[in-house]
Amino acid sequence: MPQSDPTRRDFLERLGATALLATMPITPDALRRLTTPTEEARAEDWDLTWVDRVKGRYRACFDVPEIDSGYGVWRASLWVQQYSDVLKVKPQDCSPVLVLRHNGIALAMTQAFWDKYDVSKKNPVMHPITQQGTDRNPALLSSTRNEVPADFDAVALDKFISRGGIVLACNLALDDMIELVSKKDGTSGDVARKTAIAGFVPGVILQPSGVFAALRAQDAGCKYLRAS
């Protein structure tokens, strides 16, 4: 796609914009999750080894609580690219940490999970370039399926992970995906939970909550950015 194309320009402008920090309302369901965690969650052996991978001179935590056409995910890769281009630093000098929480948990799921459990019906999604409704996970779009221009392939979530990017998912928000599984499969409890976790894009790491993940990343020296 030509660089002067308005859809691409608009896309890049939105991708480069920093979202304003806003408070998230605490619903009764969310309060219940906070105060009465499931037996499965209490027994979880949380993987915190990702902290040891935050070694770069430049460290950033990208907080993604909304789907927002996948822009929050893409911003993390854009940050590394721009630091490399402008500051002339090596990619390995940058340690980006993505936190997928609240509605943004949907971005952590594979396209197969989206298809089977109708994720887009629970959270309507706009294509990041066409701004038309889509049933695709916008964080996993690919030029091989004619979904985005080829130069955007590198910022997809799976490519971000393959380059060593850290992606953390909120256990509390996972309840939304478990609910979809329960309704579709007629399962509940540990069975539905395991199915939902199995639906993560390979490399996504489940954490006690998105708040825990974002603050733990800051403990590791990351600067915080609300990315969606």
Protein backbone atom coordinates (compact mmCIF):
# COMPACT_ATOMS: atom_id res chain seq x y z
CA MET A 1 0.00 0.00 0.00
CA PRO A 2 1.47 3.41 -0.90
CA GLN A 3 2.76 5.38 2.04
CA SER A 4 0.56 8.34 1.09
CA ASP A 5 -2.60 6.24 1.24
CA PRO A 6 -4.97 7.98 3.72
CA THR A 7 -6.07 4.75 5.41
CA ARG A 8 -2.46 3.85 6.19
CA ARG A 9 -1.69 7.39 7.33
CA ASP A 10 -4.73 7.46 9.61
CA PHE A 11 -3.76 4.07 10.97
CA LEU A 12 -0.24 5.20 11.82
CA GLU A 13 -1.51 8.41 13.40
CA ARG A 14 -3.85 6.44 15.65
CA LEU A 15 -1.14 3.90 16.42
CA GLY A 16 1.26 6.64 17.48
CA ALA A 17 -1.23 8.47 19.66
CA THR A 18 -1.04 7.96 23.43
CA ALA A 19 -4.36 7.10 25.04
CA LEU A 20 -5.45 9.24 27.98
CA LEU A 21 -5.35 7.57 31.36
CA ALA A 22 -8.88 6.87 32.58
CA THR A 23 -10.30 5.10 35.58
CA MET A 24 -12.02 1.76 35.04
CA PRO A 25 -15.40 1.30 36.79
CA ILE A 26 -15.57 -1.48 39.37
CA THR A 27 -18.65 -3.57 38.58
CA PRO A 28 -20.26 -5.98 41.07
CA ASP A 29 -18.85 -8.92 39.07
CA ALA A 30 -15.37 -7.44 39.11
CA LEU A 31 -15.60 -6.84 42.86
CA ARG A 32 -16.69 -10.44 43.36
CA ARG A 33 -13.68 -11.67 41.40
CA LEU A 34 -11.35 -9.54 43.50
CA THR A 35 -12.75 -10.63 46.85
CA THR A 36 -13.65 -14.28 46.13
CA PRO A 37 -11.05 -15.81 43.79
CA THR A 38 -11.78 -19.30 42.48
CA GLU A 39 -10.13 -22.40 43.94
CA GLU A 40 -8.30 -22.78 40.64
CA ALA A 41 -6.90 -19.26 40.86
CA ARG A 42 -5.83 -19.70 44.48
CA ALA A 43 -3.97 -22.87 43.57
CA GLU A 44 -2.33 -21.39 40.45
CA ASP A 45 1.43 -21.70 40.25
CA TRP A 46 2.05 -18.27 38.79
CA ASP A 47 4.96 -17.95 36.36
CA LEU A 48 6.96 -14.89 37.38
CA THR A 49 10.16 -15.84 35.58
CA TRP A 50 9.35 -13.29 32.86
CA VAL A 51 10.75 -10.62 35.18
CA ASP A 52 14.23 -12.06 34.58
CA ARG A 53 13.82 -11.31 30.87
CA VAL A 54 13.34 -7.56 31.46
CA LYS A 55 16.98 -6.71 30.94
CA GLY A 56 17.12 -3.95 28.33
CA ARG A 57 18.40 -0.48 29.05
CA TYR A 58 15.01 0.82 27.93
CA ARG A 59 11.99 -0.81 29.57
CA ALA A 60 8.31 -0.10 29.05
CA CYS A 61 5.00 -1.55 30.19
CA PHE A 62 2.14 -1.20 27.69
CA ASP A 63 -1.17 -1.48 29.53
CA VAL A 64 -3.91 -2.71 27.17
CA PRO A 65 -7.36 -2.82 28.85
CA GLU A 66 -9.37 -2.42 25.60
CA ILE A 67 -9.40 -4.19 22.25
CA ASP A 68 -9.17 -0.84 20.42
CA SER A 69 -8.61 -2.54 17.04
CA GLY A 70 -5.37 -4.04 18.35
CA TYR A 71 -3.54 -0.70 18.49
CA GLY A 72 -2.26 -1.27 22.02
CA VAL A 73 -0.43 -4.42 20.92
CA TRP A 74 1.03 -2.78 17.83
CA ARG A 75 2.27 0.23 19.82
CA ALA A 76 4.70 -1.95 21.74
CA SER A 77 6.45 -3.03 18.54
CA LEU A 78 6.34 0.51 17.18
CA TRP A 79 8.13 1.75 20.30
CA VAL A 80 11.03 -0.66 19.74
CA GLN A 81 11.19 0.22 16.05
CA GLN A 82 11.25 3.97 16.71
CA TYR A 83 13.88 3.71 19.45
CA SER A 84 16.02 1.67 17.05
CA ASP A 85 15.52 4.15 14.20
CA VAL A 86 15.79 7.41 16.14
CA LEU A 87 18.08 6.60 19.08
CA LYS A 88 20.13 4.05 17.14
CA VAL A 89 19.83 1.47 19.89
CA LYS A 90 19.72 -2.29 19.29
CA PRO A 91 16.32 -4.01 19.60
CA GLN A 92 17.70 -6.12 22.44
CA ASP A 93 18.28 -2.91 24.38
CA CYS A 94 14.48 -2.49 24.58
CA SER A 95 12.30 -4.60 26.89
CA PRO A 96 8.60 -4.16 26.09
CA VAL A 97 6.00 -5.76 28.37
CA LEU A 98 2.40 -6.04 27.19
CA VAL A 99 -0.38 -6.38 29.76
CA LEU A 100 -3.70 -7.62 28.33
CA ARG A 101 -6.47 -7.04 30.84
CA HIS A 102 -10.15 -6.05 31.12
CA ASN A 103 -11.68 -6.19 27.61
CA GLY A 104 -8.17 -6.45 26.18
CA ILE A 105 -7.99 -10.08 27.34
CA ALA A 106 -9.64 -11.02 24.04
CA LEU A 107 -6.44 -10.05 22.21
CA ALA A 108 -4.63 -12.85 24.05
CA MET A 109 -6.79 -15.53 22.41
CA THR A 110 -6.04 -17.40 19.18
CA GLN A 111 -8.18 -16.90 16.09
CA ALA A 112 -9.45 -20.47 16.51
CA PHE A 113 -10.77 -19.50 19.95
CA TRP A 114 -12.36 -16.35 18.51
CA ASP A 115 -14.06 -18.43 15.82
CA LYS A 116 -15.34 -21.19 18.08
CA TYR A 117 -16.54 -19.00 20.94
CA ASP A 118 -17.77 -15.96 18.99
CA VAL A 119 -15.52 -13.51 20.82
CA SER A 120 -16.43 -10.64 18.47
CA LYS A 121 -20.10 -10.93 19.45
CA LYS A 122 -19.28 -10.18 23.07
CA ASN A 123 -16.92 -7.35 22.15
CA PRO A 124 -17.61 -5.75 18.75
CA VAL A 125 -14.31 -5.18 16.95
CA MET A 126 -13.30 -2.69 14.27
CA HIS A 127 -10.64 -3.55 11.71
CA PRO A 128 -7.60 -1.32 12.42
CA ILE A 129 -7.30 -0.05 8.85
CA THR A 130 -10.74 -0.30 7.22
CA GLN A 131 -12.59 0.62 10.43
CA GLN A 132 -15.27 -1.89 9.48
CA GLY A 133 -16.61 -4.53 11.83
CA THR A 134 -14.59 -7.75 11.87
CA ASP A 135 -14.66 -11.14 13.58
CA ARG A 136 -10.87 -11.42 13.43
CA ASN A 137 -8.52 -10.89 16.35
CA PRO A 138 -6.97 -7.57 15.24
CA ALA A 139 -3.72 -8.38 17.02
CA LEU A 140 -3.18 -11.41 14.76
CA LEU A 141 -3.96 -9.99 11.32
CA SER A 142 -1.67 -11.04 8.48
CA SER A 143 -0.94 -10.01 4.90
CA THR A 144 -0.94 -13.69 3.93
CA ARG A 145 -4.71 -13.55 4.35
CA ASN A 146 -4.96 -10.10 2.74
CA GLU A 147 -5.98 -8.59 6.08
CA VAL A 148 -3.26 -5.91 6.37
CA PRO A 149 -0.36 -4.62 4.23
CA ALA A 150 2.78 -6.75 4.46
CA ASP A 151 4.75 -4.08 6.32
CA PHE A 152 2.42 -4.51 9.31
CA ASP A 153 3.01 -8.25 9.71
CA ALA A 154 5.91 -7.73 12.09
CA VAL A 155 3.75 -6.01 14.73
CA ALA A 156 1.28 -8.88 15.14
CA LEU A 157 1.09 -10.38 18.63
CA ASP A 158 2.62 -13.72 17.68
CA LYS A 159 5.53 -12.01 15.94
CA PHE A 160 6.03 -9.75 18.98
CA ILE A 161 6.28 -12.85 21.18
CA SER A 162 8.65 -14.61 18.78
CA ARG A 163 11.05 -11.65 19.07
CA GLY A 164 11.13 -12.03 22.85
CA GLY A 165 8.33 -9.61 23.75
CA ILE A 166 6.64 -10.36 27.07
CA VAL A 167 2.84 -10.69 27.05
CA LEU A 168 0.93 -10.97 30.33
CA ALA A 169 -2.76 -11.81 30.68
CA CYS A 170 -5.10 -10.90 33.53
CA ASN A 171 -6.55 -13.85 35.45
CA LEU A 172 -9.58 -11.79 36.54
CA ALA A 173 -10.43 -10.80 32.98
CA LEU A 174 -10.01 -14.42 31.92
CA ASP A 175 -13.42 -15.02 33.53
CA ASP A 176 -14.97 -13.38 30.47
CA MET A 177 -13.39 -15.97 28.20
CA ILE A 178 -14.33 -18.79 30.61
CA GLU A 179 -17.93 -17.60 30.42
CA LEU A 180 -17.87 -17.88 26.64
CA VAL A 181 -16.52 -21.43 26.93
CA SER A 182 -19.16 -22.38 29.49
CA LYS A 183 -22.01 -21.12 27.32
CA LYS A 184 -20.72 -22.81 24.19
CA ASP A 185 -19.48 -26.12 25.63
CA GLY A 186 -21.80 -26.49 28.59
CA THR A 187 -18.82 -26.91 30.92
CA SER A 188 -17.86 -25.05 34.06
CA GLY A 189 -15.20 -24.74 36.73
CA ASP A 190 -11.77 -26.19 36.10
CA VAL A 191 -12.76 -27.73 32.75
CA ALA A 192 -13.91 -24.42 31.25
CA ARG A 193 -10.93 -22.61 32.76
CA LYS A 194 -8.44 -25.03 31.23
CA THR A 195 -10.12 -24.69 27.84
CA ALA A 196 -9.87 -20.91 28.01
CA ILE A 197 -6.20 -20.99 29.02
CA ALA A 198 -5.50 -23.43 26.19
CA GLY A 199 -6.93 -20.77 23.87
CA PHE A 200 -4.11 -18.33 24.60
CA VAL A 201 -1.75 -17.37 21.80
CA PRO A 202 1.38 -19.45 22.52
CA GLY A 203 3.72 -17.51 24.78
CA VAL A 204 1.08 -15.51 26.66
CA ILE A 205 1.70 -15.74 30.42
CA LEU A 206 -1.23 -15.71 32.86
CA GLN A 207 -0.84 -13.47 35.92
CA PRO A 208 -2.98 -13.03 39.08
CA SER A 209 -4.39 -9.80 37.63
CA GLY A 210 -3.57 -7.10 35.12
CA VAL A 211 -2.90 -4.66 37.94
CA PHE A 212 -0.43 -7.10 39.48
CA ALA A 213 1.28 -7.56 36.11
CA ALA A 214 1.55 -3.84 35.35
CA LEU A 215 2.93 -3.00 38.78
CA ARG A 216 5.33 -5.96 38.75
CA ALA A 217 6.65 -4.73 35.41
CA GLN A 218 7.24 -1.33 36.96
CA ASP A 219 9.05 -3.02 39.84
CA ALA A 220 11.35 -4.41 37.15
CA GLY A 221 12.11 -0.89 35.92
CA CYS A 222 9.49 -0.44 33.20
CA LYS A 223 7.95 2.93 32.49
CA TYR A 224 4.16 2.72 32.31
CA LEU A 225 2.02 3.62 29.29
CA ARG A 226 -1.74 3.28 28.98
CA ALA A 227 -1.77 1.91 25.39
CA SER A 228 -5.49 1.48 24.64
